[in-house]
Amino acid sequence: MERTATLDGNLTSANQLTNPVNSAVETAAQTAHKATDKIADKAAMQVDRSAAAVHRAVESAADAATSTAAWASGTLEQAQQVKARLTESASASIRARPIATVVGVLIVGYLLGRLARL
């Protein structure tokens, strides 16, 4: 019995190759294989596109987080500088006129106490 190789690499006998049913089955299998390869290629392209989009989104979020952290750090430093300036200014004012400052604080305290009773 003579054997020959088909396109998928299987060995078949010569009379199986001549059988139209086997030939039709082999053609259908090849067509299905090609269709499966085409679908797999399209799916791989979609996965690559999705991965690239996710990568861009993550990079964008990381950039936004970095710039926000830099802004917050700068704002904190500015607030600390303002606090230091106000503290120094208040200390200088109190040192320059201690009695006027105490009287002013007492008056403000009295007025706030009166407002709180209303």
Protein backbone atom coordinates (compact mmCIF):
# COMPACT_ATOMS: atom_id res chain seq x y z
CA MET A 1 0.00 0.00 0.00
CA GLU A 2 1.43 3.35 -1.00
CA ARG A 3 1.45 6.16 1.58
CA THR A 4 1.65 9.90 0.95
CA ALA A 5 1.77 12.94 3.24
CA THR A 6 -1.10 15.42 3.35
CA LEU A 7 -0.77 19.15 3.94
CA ASP A 8 -1.21 18.73 7.68
CA GLY A 9 1.68 16.23 7.79
CA ASN A 10 -0.34 13.05 8.35
CA LEU A 11 0.39 9.95 6.32
CA THR A 12 -2.51 8.54 4.38
CA SER A 13 -2.86 5.78 1.88
CA ALA A 14 -3.23 6.55 -1.82
CA ASN A 15 -6.83 5.39 -1.95
CA GLN A 16 -7.75 7.73 0.93
CA LEU A 17 -6.44 10.72 -1.07
CA THR A 18 -8.61 9.82 -3.99
CA ASN A 19 -11.68 9.53 -1.82
CA PRO A 20 -13.63 12.80 -2.31
CA VAL A 21 -15.04 12.72 1.23
CA ASN A 22 -11.57 12.67 2.79
CA SER A 23 -10.48 15.41 0.43
CA ALA A 24 -13.48 17.54 1.41
CA VAL A 25 -12.82 16.95 5.11
CA GLU A 26 -9.17 17.93 4.68
CA THR A 27 -10.17 21.07 2.76
CA ALA A 28 -12.68 21.99 5.48
CA ALA A 29 -10.05 21.44 8.16
CA GLN A 30 -7.58 23.65 6.31
CA THR A 31 -10.22 26.35 5.87
CA ALA A 32 -11.09 26.16 9.57
CA HIS A 33 -7.39 26.35 10.44
CA LYS A 34 -6.93 29.45 8.28
CA ALA A 35 -10.02 31.09 9.80
CA THR A 36 -8.76 30.32 13.29
CA ASP A 37 -5.37 31.84 12.47
CA LYS A 38 -7.05 34.96 11.08
CA ILE A 39 -9.18 35.33 14.22
CA ALA A 40 -6.15 34.80 16.44
CA ASP A 41 -4.20 37.46 14.52
CA LYS A 42 -7.06 39.97 14.88
CA ALA A 43 -7.39 39.18 18.59
CA ALA A 44 -3.65 39.66 19.08
CA MET A 45 -3.82 43.05 17.35
CA GLN A 46 -6.72 44.11 19.59
CA VAL A 47 -4.85 42.98 22.70
CA ASP A 48 -1.80 44.96 21.58
CA ARG A 49 -3.93 48.07 21.00
CA SER A 50 -5.63 47.67 24.38
CA ALA A 51 -2.29 47.19 26.12
CA ALA A 52 -0.92 50.33 24.48
CA ALA A 53 -4.00 52.31 25.54
CA VAL A 54 -3.71 51.08 29.12
CA HIS A 55 0.00 51.90 29.10
CA ARG A 56 -0.74 55.46 27.94
CA ALA A 57 -3.41 55.85 30.63
CA VAL A 58 -1.06 54.66 33.36
CA GLU A 59 1.67 57.03 32.16
CA SER A 60 -0.81 59.91 32.12
CA ALA A 61 -1.98 59.11 35.65
CA ALA A 62 1.61 58.86 36.86
CA ASP A 63 2.45 62.23 35.30
CA ALA A 64 -0.60 63.81 36.92
CA ALA A 65 0.30 62.32 40.31
CA THR A 66 3.88 63.58 39.99
CA SER A 67 2.80 67.10 39.10
CA THR A 68 0.23 67.11 41.91
CA ALA A 69 2.84 65.98 44.42
CA ALA A 70 5.21 68.72 43.24
CA TRP A 71 2.42 71.32 43.54
CA ALA A 72 1.49 70.11 47.04
CA SER A 73 5.12 70.21 48.12
CA GLY A 74 5.48 73.76 46.83
CA THR A 75 2.24 74.82 48.52
CA LEU A 76 3.39 73.34 51.83
CA GLU A 77 6.67 75.23 51.62
CA GLN A 78 4.81 78.48 50.84
CA ALA A 79 2.46 77.95 53.79
CA GLN A 80 5.41 77.35 56.10
CA GLN A 81 7.05 80.55 54.85
CA VAL A 82 3.85 82.58 55.40
CA LYS A 83 3.49 81.09 58.89
CA ALA A 84 7.08 82.02 59.73
CA ARG A 85 6.58 85.58 58.43
CA LEU A 86 3.33 86.05 60.39
CA THR A 87 4.86 84.66 63.56
CA GLU A 88 7.88 86.94 63.22
CA SER A 89 5.65 89.93 62.49
CA ALA A 90 3.39 89.23 65.48
CA SER A 91 6.41 88.71 67.75
CA ALA A 92 7.96 91.99 66.60
CA SER A 93 4.69 93.83 67.17
CA ILE A 94 4.27 92.39 70.66
CA ARG A 95 7.88 93.26 71.56
CA ALA A 96 7.42 96.82 70.30
CA ARG A 97 4.16 97.52 72.24
CA PRO A 98 3.51 94.84 74.85
CA ILE A 99 0.93 96.78 76.91
CA ALA A 100 -1.10 97.85 73.86
CA THR A 101 -1.10 94.25 72.63
CA VAL A 102 -2.35 92.89 75.96
CA VAL A 103 -5.09 95.55 76.15
CA GLY A 104 -6.10 94.82 72.55
CA VAL A 105 -6.29 91.09 73.22
CA LEU A 106 -8.41 91.68 76.35
CA ILE A 107 -10.83 93.87 74.41
CA VAL A 108 -11.14 91.33 71.60
CA GLY A 109 -11.69 88.56 74.16
CA TYR A 110 -14.38 90.58 75.94
CA LEU A 111 -16.21 91.31 72.65
CA LEU A 112 -16.06 87.68 71.56
CA GLY A 113 -17.43 86.63 74.95
CA ARG A 114 -20.34 89.05 74.58
CA LEU A 115 -21.08 87.80 71.06
CA ALA A 116 -21.04 84.20 72.27
CA ARG A 117 -23.76 84.94 74.87
CA LEU A 118 -26.19 86.27 72.24
